[in-house]
Amino acid sequence: MDNSFPFAFDGIAPNLKPTPPAEMPEAPGVGDAMKTLSPFADAQDIDQIIMQLSLDRPLPLYIPDREKYTEYEFHIINDTPQEFAAAHRRGWRAVDDPELTKLFADKVSGVSKEGKMTRPVLMARHVKIGQIEAAQKRKRLAEQYAGMDPKNRQFNSKYVDPQDTINAGLTKGNFSGPTFRVRG
């Protein structure tokens, strides 16, 4: 309160009397500005992290300069032993080119049953292997579809007329003759 006029605020309630602020607080010291910038011991390479973000890739499996690898097809698997074994049986090999492996270096693809992180692994194989595998799959599917076609079925039954079954897709029972008798 201002002491130059000691009686200026007589008769006023205490909560209405002006109370000037105390001394102005001191500004904090300069300190080490670099200490609070990062919670890590070594600095992060932000440009490298941004480059590896999947949002920057037009497709999930984006291989830069893909035209250099025309004889190969690429596939991503998790780094679990089961997936490695299945991939190796089908002709896939892990890519060891540093330029391509850095695309997936800091990625996490999921969590295993044990709670461990799984990481994506870039695999490649020759295009001819993929073409042969695709031809084998098409052949197996064609065989399965042929097995379901009634024209290819063998009917060895005295109750089924094969010609009627093939044409109409129905079976025909024989309800006459010496073996057919209605019991009542």
N, C-alpha and C. Protein backbone atom coordinates (compact mmCIF):
# COMPACT_ATOMS: atom_id res chain seq x y z
N MET A 1 0.82 -1.16 0.00
CA MET A 1 0.00 0.00 0.00
C MET A 1 0.88 1.25 0.00
N ASP A 2 0.39 2.25 -0.66
CA ASP A 2 1.15 3.49 -0.77
C ASP A 2 1.16 4.20 0.59
N ASN A 3 2.34 4.47 1.12
CA ASN A 3 2.45 5.12 2.43
C ASN A 3 2.48 6.65 2.34
N SER A 4 2.48 7.22 1.16
CA SER A 4 2.52 8.67 1.04
C SER A 4 1.21 9.32 1.50
N PHE A 5 0.14 8.59 1.40
CA PHE A 5 -1.16 9.07 1.89
C PHE A 5 -1.72 8.03 2.84
N PRO A 6 -1.31 8.05 4.11
CA PRO A 6 -1.70 6.98 5.02
C PRO A 6 -3.19 6.96 5.33
N PHE A 7 -3.86 8.06 5.24
CA PHE A 7 -5.28 8.08 5.59
C PHE A 7 -6.18 8.10 4.36
N ALA A 8 -5.65 7.87 3.18
CA ALA A 8 -6.44 7.98 1.96
C ALA A 8 -7.49 6.87 1.85
N PHE A 9 -7.22 5.73 2.43
CA PHE A 9 -8.13 4.59 2.27
C PHE A 9 -8.84 4.23 3.57
N ASP A 10 -8.94 5.20 4.51
CA ASP A 10 -9.65 4.93 5.76
C ASP A 10 -11.14 4.78 5.47
N GLY A 11 -11.77 3.86 6.13
CA GLY A 11 -13.20 3.65 5.99
C GLY A 11 -13.57 2.74 4.83
N ILE A 12 -12.60 2.22 4.10
CA ILE A 12 -12.87 1.30 2.98
C ILE A 12 -12.59 -0.12 3.48
N ALA A 13 -13.42 -1.03 3.02
CA ALA A 13 -13.24 -2.44 3.40
C ALA A 13 -11.85 -2.91 2.98
N PRO A 14 -11.24 -3.81 3.76
CA PRO A 14 -9.87 -4.24 3.45
C PRO A 14 -9.75 -4.92 2.08
N ASN A 15 -10.80 -5.60 1.64
CA ASN A 15 -10.68 -6.28 0.34
C ASN A 15 -10.77 -5.30 -0.83
N LEU A 16 -11.17 -4.04 -0.58
CA LEU A 16 -11.24 -3.05 -1.66
C LEU A 16 -10.00 -2.16 -1.71
N LYS A 17 -9.13 -2.26 -0.73
CA LYS A 17 -7.91 -1.45 -0.72
C LYS A 17 -6.92 -2.03 -1.73
N PRO A 18 -6.32 -1.19 -2.56
CA PRO A 18 -5.35 -1.70 -3.54
C PRO A 18 -4.08 -2.24 -2.85
N THR A 19 -3.61 -3.35 -3.37
CA THR A 19 -2.38 -3.94 -2.85
C THR A 19 -1.41 -4.08 -4.01
N PRO A 20 -0.42 -3.26 -4.05
CA PRO A 20 0.53 -3.33 -5.16
C PRO A 20 1.34 -4.63 -5.09
N PRO A 21 1.79 -5.12 -6.24
CA PRO A 21 2.56 -6.37 -6.24
C PRO A 21 3.86 -6.21 -5.47
N ALA A 22 4.36 -7.34 -5.05
CA ALA A 22 5.64 -7.35 -4.35
C ALA A 22 6.73 -7.05 -5.37
N GLU A 23 7.93 -7.20 -4.93
CA GLU A 23 9.08 -6.95 -5.82
C GLU A 23 8.96 -7.79 -7.09
N MET A 24 9.44 -7.26 -8.17
CA MET A 24 9.42 -7.96 -9.45
C MET A 24 10.33 -9.19 -9.35
N PRO A 25 9.83 -10.40 -9.77
CA PRO A 25 10.69 -11.58 -9.68
C PRO A 25 11.82 -11.50 -10.70
N GLU A 26 12.89 -12.18 -10.38
CA GLU A 26 14.06 -12.17 -11.27
C GLU A 26 13.84 -13.15 -12.41
N ALA A 27 14.38 -12.83 -13.54
CA ALA A 27 14.30 -13.71 -14.70
C ALA A 27 15.17 -14.94 -14.45
N PRO A 28 14.73 -16.12 -14.96
CA PRO A 28 15.55 -17.32 -14.76
C PRO A 28 16.88 -17.20 -15.48
N GLY A 29 17.86 -17.92 -14.98
CA GLY A 29 19.20 -17.87 -15.56
C GLY A 29 19.24 -18.51 -16.93
N VAL A 30 20.32 -18.30 -17.61
CA VAL A 30 20.48 -18.79 -18.98
C VAL A 30 20.51 -20.30 -19.02
N GLY A 31 21.35 -20.97 -18.32
CA GLY A 31 21.42 -22.42 -18.27
C GLY A 31 21.89 -23.03 -19.57
N ASP A 32 21.71 -24.36 -19.70
CA ASP A 32 22.14 -25.10 -20.89
C ASP A 32 20.92 -25.36 -21.76
N ALA A 33 20.80 -24.66 -22.86
CA ALA A 33 19.63 -24.78 -23.73
C ALA A 33 19.60 -26.13 -24.45
N MET A 34 20.73 -26.72 -24.73
CA MET A 34 20.77 -27.98 -25.46
C MET A 34 20.37 -29.17 -24.58
N LYS A 35 20.44 -29.00 -23.28
CA LYS A 35 20.15 -30.10 -22.37
C LYS A 35 18.68 -30.51 -22.44
N THR A 36 17.77 -29.59 -22.63
CA THR A 36 16.35 -29.90 -22.62
C THR A 36 15.78 -30.20 -23.99
N LEU A 37 16.55 -30.17 -25.04
CA LEU A 37 16.03 -30.37 -26.39
C LEU A 37 15.71 -31.82 -26.72
N SER A 38 16.40 -32.78 -26.15
CA SER A 38 16.20 -34.17 -26.53
C SER A 38 16.28 -35.07 -25.30
N PRO A 39 15.37 -36.06 -25.21
CA PRO A 39 15.46 -37.00 -24.10
C PRO A 39 16.42 -38.15 -24.36
N PHE A 40 17.12 -38.10 -25.49
CA PHE A 40 18.02 -39.19 -25.88
C PHE A 40 19.47 -38.76 -25.71
N ALA A 41 20.33 -39.75 -25.49
CA ALA A 41 21.75 -39.47 -25.33
C ALA A 41 22.36 -38.98 -26.64
N ASP A 42 21.97 -39.60 -27.75
CA ASP A 42 22.46 -39.16 -29.04
C ASP A 42 21.29 -38.63 -29.87
N ALA A 43 21.58 -37.71 -30.73
CA ALA A 43 20.54 -37.04 -31.50
C ALA A 43 19.92 -37.97 -32.53
N GLN A 44 18.63 -37.76 -32.79
CA GLN A 44 17.93 -38.55 -33.81
C GLN A 44 18.15 -37.93 -35.18
N ASP A 45 18.25 -38.79 -36.19
CA ASP A 45 18.33 -38.30 -37.56
C ASP A 45 16.90 -38.15 -38.08
N ILE A 46 16.34 -36.99 -37.92
CA ILE A 46 14.92 -36.75 -38.23
C ILE A 46 14.64 -36.94 -39.72
N ASP A 47 15.55 -36.48 -40.57
CA ASP A 47 15.33 -36.63 -42.02
C ASP A 47 15.26 -38.10 -42.41
N GLN A 48 16.11 -38.93 -41.80
CA GLN A 48 16.10 -40.37 -42.10
C GLN A 48 14.79 -41.00 -41.64
N ILE A 49 14.30 -40.62 -40.47
CA ILE A 49 13.04 -41.17 -39.95
C ILE A 49 11.88 -40.77 -40.84
N ILE A 50 11.84 -39.52 -41.25
CA ILE A 50 10.76 -39.04 -42.12
C ILE A 50 10.80 -39.76 -43.47
N MET A 51 12.00 -40.01 -43.97
CA MET A 51 12.12 -40.70 -45.25
C MET A 51 11.58 -42.13 -45.16
N GLN A 52 11.70 -42.75 -43.98
CA GLN A 52 11.27 -44.14 -43.82
C GLN A 52 9.80 -44.28 -43.45
N LEU A 53 9.11 -43.20 -43.19
CA LEU A 53 7.70 -43.30 -42.85
C LEU A 53 6.92 -43.87 -44.01
N SER A 54 6.00 -44.78 -43.72
CA SER A 54 5.25 -45.42 -44.78
C SER A 54 4.30 -44.45 -45.46
N LEU A 55 4.00 -43.31 -44.82
CA LEU A 55 3.12 -42.33 -45.44
C LEU A 55 3.75 -41.68 -46.66
N ASP A 56 5.08 -41.71 -46.74
CA ASP A 56 5.77 -41.11 -47.87
C ASP A 56 5.83 -42.04 -49.07
N ARG A 57 5.42 -43.30 -48.89
CA ARG A 57 5.52 -44.28 -49.97
C ARG A 57 4.18 -44.38 -50.69
N PRO A 58 4.18 -44.41 -52.00
CA PRO A 58 2.90 -44.51 -52.72
C PRO A 58 2.23 -45.87 -52.56
N LEU A 59 2.98 -46.93 -52.33
CA LEU A 59 2.43 -48.27 -52.17
C LEU A 59 3.03 -48.89 -50.91
N PRO A 60 2.36 -49.90 -50.31
CA PRO A 60 2.94 -50.55 -49.13
C PRO A 60 4.30 -51.18 -49.41
N LEU A 61 4.46 -51.75 -50.59
CA LEU A 61 5.74 -52.36 -50.95
C LEU A 61 6.36 -51.50 -52.04
N TYR A 62 6.95 -50.42 -51.62
CA TYR A 62 7.57 -49.48 -52.55
C TYR A 62 9.06 -49.73 -52.58
N ILE A 63 9.57 -50.05 -53.76
CA ILE A 63 11.00 -50.27 -53.94
C ILE A 63 11.50 -49.14 -54.84
N PRO A 64 12.36 -48.26 -54.32
CA PRO A 64 12.87 -47.19 -55.19
C PRO A 64 13.73 -47.76 -56.31
N ASP A 65 13.68 -47.13 -57.44
CA ASP A 65 14.41 -47.58 -58.63
C ASP A 65 14.07 -49.03 -58.96
N ARG A 66 12.80 -49.34 -58.94
CA ARG A 66 12.32 -50.71 -59.18
C ARG A 66 12.74 -51.22 -60.55
N GLU A 67 12.90 -50.31 -61.48
CA GLU A 67 13.27 -50.73 -62.84
C GLU A 67 14.67 -51.36 -62.90
N LYS A 68 15.49 -51.18 -61.87
CA LYS A 68 16.80 -51.84 -61.83
C LYS A 68 16.67 -53.33 -61.54
N TYR A 69 15.56 -53.75 -60.94
CA TYR A 69 15.38 -55.13 -60.51
C TYR A 69 14.26 -55.80 -61.29
N THR A 70 14.32 -55.76 -62.60
CA THR A 70 13.23 -56.30 -63.41
C THR A 70 13.13 -57.82 -63.34
N GLU A 71 14.20 -58.51 -63.01
CA GLU A 71 14.19 -59.97 -62.97
C GLU A 71 13.76 -60.53 -61.62
N TYR A 72 13.41 -59.66 -60.67
CA TYR A 72 13.07 -60.11 -59.33
C TYR A 72 11.70 -59.60 -58.90
N GLU A 73 11.04 -60.41 -58.07
CA GLU A 73 9.82 -59.97 -57.43
C GLU A 73 10.09 -59.90 -55.93
N PHE A 74 9.38 -59.00 -55.25
CA PHE A 74 9.64 -58.73 -53.84
C PHE A 74 8.44 -59.09 -52.99
N HIS A 75 8.72 -59.39 -51.73
CA HIS A 75 7.70 -59.82 -50.78
C HIS A 75 8.19 -59.44 -49.38
N ILE A 76 7.27 -59.09 -48.49
CA ILE A 76 7.64 -58.76 -47.12
C ILE A 76 7.07 -59.82 -46.19
N ILE A 77 7.90 -60.31 -45.27
CA ILE A 77 7.45 -61.26 -44.26
C ILE A 77 7.85 -60.74 -42.88
N ASN A 78 7.32 -61.35 -41.85
CA ASN A 78 7.76 -61.05 -40.48
C ASN A 78 9.01 -61.87 -40.19
N ASP A 79 9.77 -61.45 -39.22
CA ASP A 79 11.03 -62.13 -38.91
C ASP A 79 10.85 -63.30 -37.94
N THR A 80 9.77 -64.04 -38.10
CA THR A 80 9.55 -65.22 -37.27
C THR A 80 10.14 -66.45 -37.98
N PRO A 81 10.60 -67.44 -37.23
CA PRO A 81 11.20 -68.62 -37.87
C PRO A 81 10.23 -69.36 -38.80
N GLN A 82 8.94 -69.40 -38.43
CA GLN A 82 7.96 -70.10 -39.27
C GLN A 82 7.85 -69.42 -40.63
N GLU A 83 7.77 -68.09 -40.63
CA GLU A 83 7.64 -67.39 -41.91
C GLU A 83 8.92 -67.46 -42.74
N PHE A 84 10.08 -67.43 -42.07
CA PHE A 84 11.34 -67.61 -42.81
C PHE A 84 11.38 -68.97 -43.47
N ALA A 85 11.00 -70.02 -42.74
CA ALA A 85 11.04 -71.37 -43.30
C ALA A 85 10.09 -71.49 -44.48
N ALA A 86 8.87 -70.98 -44.33
CA ALA A 86 7.90 -71.05 -45.43
C ALA A 86 8.39 -70.27 -46.65
N ALA A 87 8.99 -69.12 -46.42
CA ALA A 87 9.50 -68.31 -47.54
C ALA A 87 10.66 -69.01 -48.24
N HIS A 88 11.57 -69.61 -47.48
CA HIS A 88 12.71 -70.31 -48.09
C HIS A 88 12.24 -71.52 -48.90
N ARG A 89 11.20 -72.21 -48.43
CA ARG A 89 10.68 -73.35 -49.20
C ARG A 89 10.11 -72.91 -50.54
N ARG A 90 9.62 -71.68 -50.61
CA ARG A 90 9.02 -71.17 -51.85
C ARG A 90 10.02 -70.37 -52.69
N GLY A 91 11.30 -70.38 -52.32
CA GLY A 91 12.33 -69.76 -53.15
C GLY A 91 12.66 -68.32 -52.79
N TRP A 92 12.12 -67.78 -51.73
CA TRP A 92 12.42 -66.41 -51.34
C TRP A 92 13.72 -66.36 -50.56
N ARG A 93 14.50 -65.29 -50.74
CA ARG A 93 15.73 -65.06 -49.97
C ARG A 93 15.69 -63.65 -49.42
N ALA A 94 16.26 -63.46 -48.23
CA ALA A 94 16.30 -62.14 -47.62
C ALA A 94 17.22 -61.23 -48.43
N VAL A 95 16.75 -60.02 -48.69
CA VAL A 95 17.53 -59.04 -49.45
C VAL A 95 18.62 -58.49 -48.53
N ASP A 96 19.85 -58.43 -49.04
CA ASP A 96 20.94 -57.90 -48.22
C ASP A 96 21.56 -56.64 -48.80
N ASP A 97 20.95 -56.06 -49.81
CA ASP A 97 21.40 -54.79 -50.37
C ASP A 97 21.13 -53.68 -49.35
N PRO A 98 22.15 -52.95 -48.88
CA PRO A 98 21.93 -51.94 -47.84
C PRO A 98 20.93 -50.86 -48.22
N GLU A 99 20.88 -50.50 -49.49
CA GLU A 99 19.94 -49.47 -49.94
C GLU A 99 18.49 -49.92 -49.76
N LEU A 100 18.22 -51.21 -49.99
CA LEU A 100 16.86 -51.74 -49.86
C LEU A 100 16.53 -52.13 -48.42
N THR A 101 17.50 -52.62 -47.67
CA THR A 101 17.21 -53.02 -46.30
C THR A 101 16.95 -51.84 -45.38
N LYS A 102 17.49 -50.67 -45.72
CA LYS A 102 17.25 -49.51 -44.86
C LYS A 102 15.81 -49.02 -44.96
N LEU A 103 15.07 -49.46 -45.98
CA LEU A 103 13.66 -49.09 -46.10
C LEU A 103 12.83 -49.63 -44.94
N PHE A 104 13.24 -50.78 -44.40
CA PHE A 104 12.47 -51.44 -43.34
C PHE A 104 13.25 -51.58 -42.04
N ALA A 105 14.36 -50.84 -41.91
CA ALA A 105 15.26 -51.03 -40.77
C ALA A 105 14.59 -50.72 -39.43
N ASP A 106 13.83 -49.66 -39.31
CA ASP A 106 13.26 -49.26 -38.03
C ASP A 106 11.77 -49.51 -37.95
N LYS A 107 11.25 -50.41 -38.75
CA LYS A 107 9.81 -50.68 -38.76
C LYS A 107 9.47 -51.82 -37.80
N VAL A 108 8.23 -51.80 -37.33
CA VAL A 108 7.70 -52.88 -36.51
C VAL A 108 6.45 -53.37 -37.22
N SER A 109 6.37 -54.68 -37.47
CA SER A 109 5.23 -55.22 -38.20
C SER A 109 4.17 -55.81 -37.29
N GLY A 110 4.50 -56.06 -36.04
CA GLY A 110 3.50 -56.63 -35.14
C GLY A 110 4.14 -57.16 -33.88
N VAL A 111 3.37 -58.01 -33.21
CA VAL A 111 3.82 -58.60 -31.95
C VAL A 111 3.58 -60.11 -32.03
N SER A 112 4.56 -60.89 -31.59
CA SER A 112 4.42 -62.35 -31.60
C SER A 112 3.55 -62.79 -30.44
N LYS A 113 3.25 -64.09 -30.39
CA LYS A 113 2.45 -64.64 -29.30
C LYS A 113 3.13 -64.48 -27.94
N GLU A 114 4.45 -64.44 -27.96
CA GLU A 114 5.21 -64.29 -26.72
C GLU A 114 5.31 -62.84 -26.28
N GLY A 115 4.83 -61.91 -27.09
CA GLY A 115 4.89 -60.49 -26.75
C GLY A 115 6.12 -59.78 -27.29
N LYS A 116 6.88 -60.44 -28.15
CA LYS A 116 8.07 -59.81 -28.73
C LYS A 116 7.69 -59.11 -30.03
N MET A 117 8.39 -58.01 -30.30
CA MET A 117 8.12 -57.28 -31.54
C MET A 117 8.59 -58.10 -32.74
N THR A 118 7.81 -58.05 -33.81
CA THR A 118 8.26 -58.66 -35.06
C THR A 118 8.56 -57.54 -36.04
N ARG A 119 9.57 -57.76 -36.82
CA ARG A 119 10.02 -56.74 -37.78
C ARG A 119 9.83 -57.27 -39.19
N PRO A 120 9.56 -56.38 -40.13
CA PRO A 120 9.41 -56.81 -41.52
C PRO A 120 10.78 -57.10 -42.15
N VAL A 121 10.79 -58.11 -43.00
CA VAL A 121 12.01 -58.47 -43.72
C VAL A 121 11.66 -58.49 -45.21
N LEU A 122 12.46 -57.79 -45.99
CA LEU A 122 12.25 -57.75 -47.43
C LEU A 122 12.87 -58.98 -48.06
N MET A 123 12.05 -59.71 -48.83
CA MET A 123 12.51 -60.93 -49.49
C MET A 123 12.40 -60.73 -51.00
N ALA A 124 13.19 -61.48 -51.75
CA ALA A 124 13.15 -61.40 -53.21
C ALA A 124 13.40 -62.79 -53.79
N ARG A 125 12.89 -63.00 -54.98
CA ARG A 125 13.17 -64.23 -55.74
C ARG A 125 13.05 -63.90 -57.22
N HIS A 126 13.58 -64.79 -58.03
CA HIS A 126 13.54 -64.57 -59.47
C HIS A 126 12.11 -64.68 -59.98
N VAL A 127 11.80 -63.93 -61.00
CA VAL A 127 10.44 -63.89 -61.55
C VAL A 127 10.02 -65.26 -62.08
N LYS A 128 10.96 -66.05 -62.64
CA LYS A 128 10.62 -67.36 -63.20
C LYS A 128 10.06 -68.30 -62.12
N ILE A 129 10.61 -68.21 -60.90
CA ILE A 129 10.10 -69.05 -59.81
C ILE A 129 8.65 -68.69 -59.52
N GLY A 130 8.34 -67.41 -59.49
CA GLY A 130 6.97 -66.96 -59.25
C GLY A 130 6.03 -67.40 -60.36
N GLN A 131 6.50 -67.36 -61.61
CA GLN A 131 5.66 -67.79 -62.74
C GLN A 131 5.36 -69.28 -62.65
N ILE A 132 6.35 -70.09 -62.30
CA ILE A 132 6.14 -71.53 -62.19
C ILE A 132 5.20 -71.84 -61.03
N GLU A 133 5.36 -71.14 -59.90
CA GLU A 133 4.48 -71.35 -58.76
C GLU A 133 3.03 -70.96 -59.11
N ALA A 134 2.86 -69.86 -59.82
CA ALA A 134 1.52 -69.44 -60.22
C ALA A 134 0.89 -70.45 -61.19
N ALA A 135 1.69 -71.02 -62.10
CA ALA A 135 1.17 -72.03 -63.03
C ALA A 135 0.74 -73.28 -62.28
N GLN A 136 1.51 -73.68 -61.27
CA GLN A 136 1.14 -74.85 -60.47
C GLN A 136 -0.16 -74.60 -59.70
N LYS A 137 -0.33 -73.41 -59.17
CA LYS A 137 -1.57 -73.08 -58.46
C LYS A 137 -2.76 -73.12 -59.41
N ARG A 138 -2.59 -72.56 -60.61
CA ARG A 138 -3.68 -72.58 -61.60
C ARG A 138 -4.03 -74.01 -61.99
N LYS A 139 -3.01 -74.87 -62.13
CA LYS A 139 -3.25 -76.26 -62.50
C LYS A 139 -4.03 -76.99 -61.40
N ARG A 140 -3.64 -76.77 -60.13
CA ARG A 140 -4.36 -77.41 -59.01
C ARG A 140 -5.81 -76.93 -58.94
N LEU A 141 -6.03 -75.64 -59.16
CA LEU A 141 -7.40 -75.12 -59.15
C LEU A 141 -8.22 -75.72 -60.28
N ALA A 142 -7.62 -75.84 -61.46
CA ALA A 142 -8.33 -76.42 -62.60
C ALA A 142 -8.71 -77.87 -62.31
N GLU A 143 -7.81 -78.62 -61.66
CA GLU A 143 -8.12 -80.01 -61.30
C GLU A 143 -9.26 -80.07 -60.28
N GLN A 144 -9.25 -79.15 -59.32
CA GLN A 144 -10.33 -79.14 -58.33
C GLN A 144 -11.67 -78.80 -58.99
N TYR A 145 -11.67 -77.82 -59.88
CA TYR A 145 -12.90 -77.45 -60.57
C TYR A 145 -13.38 -78.58 -61.48
N ALA A 146 -12.45 -79.29 -62.11
CA ALA A 146 -12.83 -80.42 -62.97
C ALA A 146 -13.45 -81.53 -62.13
N GLY A 147 -12.96 -81.72 -60.92
CA GLY A 147 -13.51 -82.75 -60.04
C GLY A 147 -14.93 -82.42 -59.59
N MET A 148 -15.28 -81.15 -59.56
CA MET A 148 -16.62 -80.76 -59.16
C MET A 148 -17.60 -80.74 -60.32
N ASP A 149 -17.11 -80.83 -61.54
CA ASP A 149 -17.98 -80.81 -62.71
C ASP A 149 -18.69 -82.16 -62.85
N PRO A 150 -20.04 -82.19 -62.93
CA PRO A 150 -20.76 -83.46 -63.02
C PRO A 150 -20.43 -84.25 -64.29
N LYS A 151 -19.96 -83.62 -65.32
CA LYS A 151 -19.62 -84.33 -66.56
C LYS A 151 -18.44 -85.26 -66.36
N ASN A 152 -17.62 -84.99 -65.37
CA ASN A 152 -16.43 -85.79 -65.14
C ASN A 152 -16.61 -86.84 -64.05
N ARG A 153 -17.78 -86.94 -63.48
CA ARG A 153 -18.01 -87.89 -62.39
C ARG A 153 -18.38 -89.26 -62.94
N GLN A 154 -17.97 -90.27 -62.21
CA GLN A 154 -18.31 -91.63 -62.56
C GLN A 154 -19.46 -92.09 -61.68
N PHE A 155 -20.58 -92.47 -62.28
CA PHE A 155 -21.73 -92.95 -61.52
C PHE A 155 -21.85 -94.45 -61.73
N ASN A 156 -21.57 -95.20 -60.71
CA ASN A 156 -21.70 -96.65 -60.76
C ASN A 156 -22.81 -97.05 -59.80
N SER A 157 -24.02 -96.79 -60.20
CA SER A 157 -25.14 -97.11 -59.34
C SER A 157 -26.30 -97.58 -60.21
N LYS A 158 -27.03 -98.56 -59.71
CA LYS A 158 -28.18 -99.02 -60.46
C LYS A 158 -29.36 -98.07 -60.29
N TYR A 159 -29.26 -97.12 -59.35
CA TYR A 159 -30.35 -96.17 -59.10
C TYR A 159 -30.16 -94.83 -59.81
N VAL A 160 -29.04 -94.64 -60.45
CA VAL A 160 -28.75 -93.36 -61.09
C VAL A 160 -28.54 -93.59 -62.57
N ASP A 161 -29.20 -92.79 -63.35
CA ASP A 161 -29.00 -92.81 -64.79
C ASP A 161 -27.93 -91.76 -65.12
N PRO A 162 -26.73 -92.17 -65.49
CA PRO A 162 -25.64 -91.22 -65.70
C PRO A 162 -25.97 -90.13 -66.71
N GLN A 163 -26.66 -90.48 -67.79
CA GLN A 163 -26.96 -89.49 -68.83
C GLN A 163 -27.90 -88.40 -68.30
N ASP A 164 -28.92 -88.78 -67.53
CA ASP A 164 -29.83 -87.78 -66.97
C ASP A 164 -29.12 -86.91 -65.95
N THR A 165 -28.23 -87.49 -65.19
CA THR A 165 -27.51 -86.74 -64.17
C THR A 165 -26.60 -85.70 -64.80
N ILE A 166 -25.93 -86.07 -65.86
CA ILE A 166 -25.02 -85.14 -66.52
C ILE A 166 -25.81 -84.01 -67.15
N ASN A 167 -26.91 -84.33 -67.82
CA ASN A 167 -27.65 -83.30 -68.53
C ASN A 167 -28.43 -82.37 -67.60
N ALA A 168 -29.09 -82.93 -66.59
CA ALA A 168 -29.96 -82.11 -65.75
C ALA A 168 -29.31 -81.76 -64.41
N GLY A 169 -28.24 -82.42 -64.04
CA GLY A 169 -27.64 -82.17 -62.75
C GLY A 169 -28.44 -82.80 -61.62
N LEU A 170 -29.31 -83.76 -61.93
CA LEU A 170 -30.16 -84.38 -60.93
C LEU A 170 -29.89 -85.87 -60.89
N THR A 171 -30.30 -86.50 -59.82
CA THR A 171 -30.24 -87.95 -59.76
C THR A 171 -31.64 -88.50 -59.98
N LYS A 172 -31.69 -89.72 -60.45
CA LYS A 172 -32.99 -90.32 -60.75
C LYS A 172 -33.07 -91.65 -60.02
N GLY A 173 -34.13 -91.83 -59.27
CA GLY A 173 -34.32 -93.10 -58.56
C GLY A 173 -35.15 -94.05 -59.42
N ASN A 174 -34.91 -95.32 -59.24
CA ASN A 174 -35.66 -96.35 -59.95
C ASN A 174 -36.72 -96.89 -59.00
N PHE A 175 -37.98 -96.48 -59.22
CA PHE A 175 -39.05 -96.86 -58.31
C PHE A 175 -39.97 -97.92 -58.92
N SER A 176 -39.45 -98.77 -59.72
CA SER A 176 -40.25 -99.88 -60.30
C SER A 176 -39.37 -101.11 -60.39
N GLY A 177 -39.99 -102.20 -60.67
CA GLY A 177 -39.24 -103.42 -60.82
C GLY A 177 -39.37 -104.35 -59.63
N PRO A 178 -38.68 -105.52 -59.67
CA PRO A 178 -38.87 -106.53 -58.64
C PRO A 178 -38.32 -106.13 -57.26
N THR A 179 -37.37 -105.21 -57.21
CA THR A 179 -36.81 -104.87 -55.90
C THR A 179 -37.55 -103.73 -55.21
N PHE A 180 -38.44 -103.10 -55.92
CA PHE A 180 -39.16 -101.98 -55.32
C PHE A 180 -40.53 -102.44 -54.83
N ARG A 181 -40.78 -102.28 -53.56
CA ARG A 181 -42.06 -102.68 -53.02
C ARG A 181 -42.39 -101.76 -51.85
N VAL A 182 -43.58 -101.25 -51.83
CA VAL A 182 -44.03 -100.38 -50.75
C VAL A 182 -44.65 -101.25 -49.68
N ARG A 183 -44.13 -101.12 -48.47
CA ARG A 183 -44.66 -101.89 -47.36
C ARG A 183 -45.68 -101.06 -46.63
N GLY A 184 -46.74 -101.62 -46.27
CA GLY A 184 -47.77 -100.81 -45.64
C GLY A 184 -48.40 -101.38 -44.47
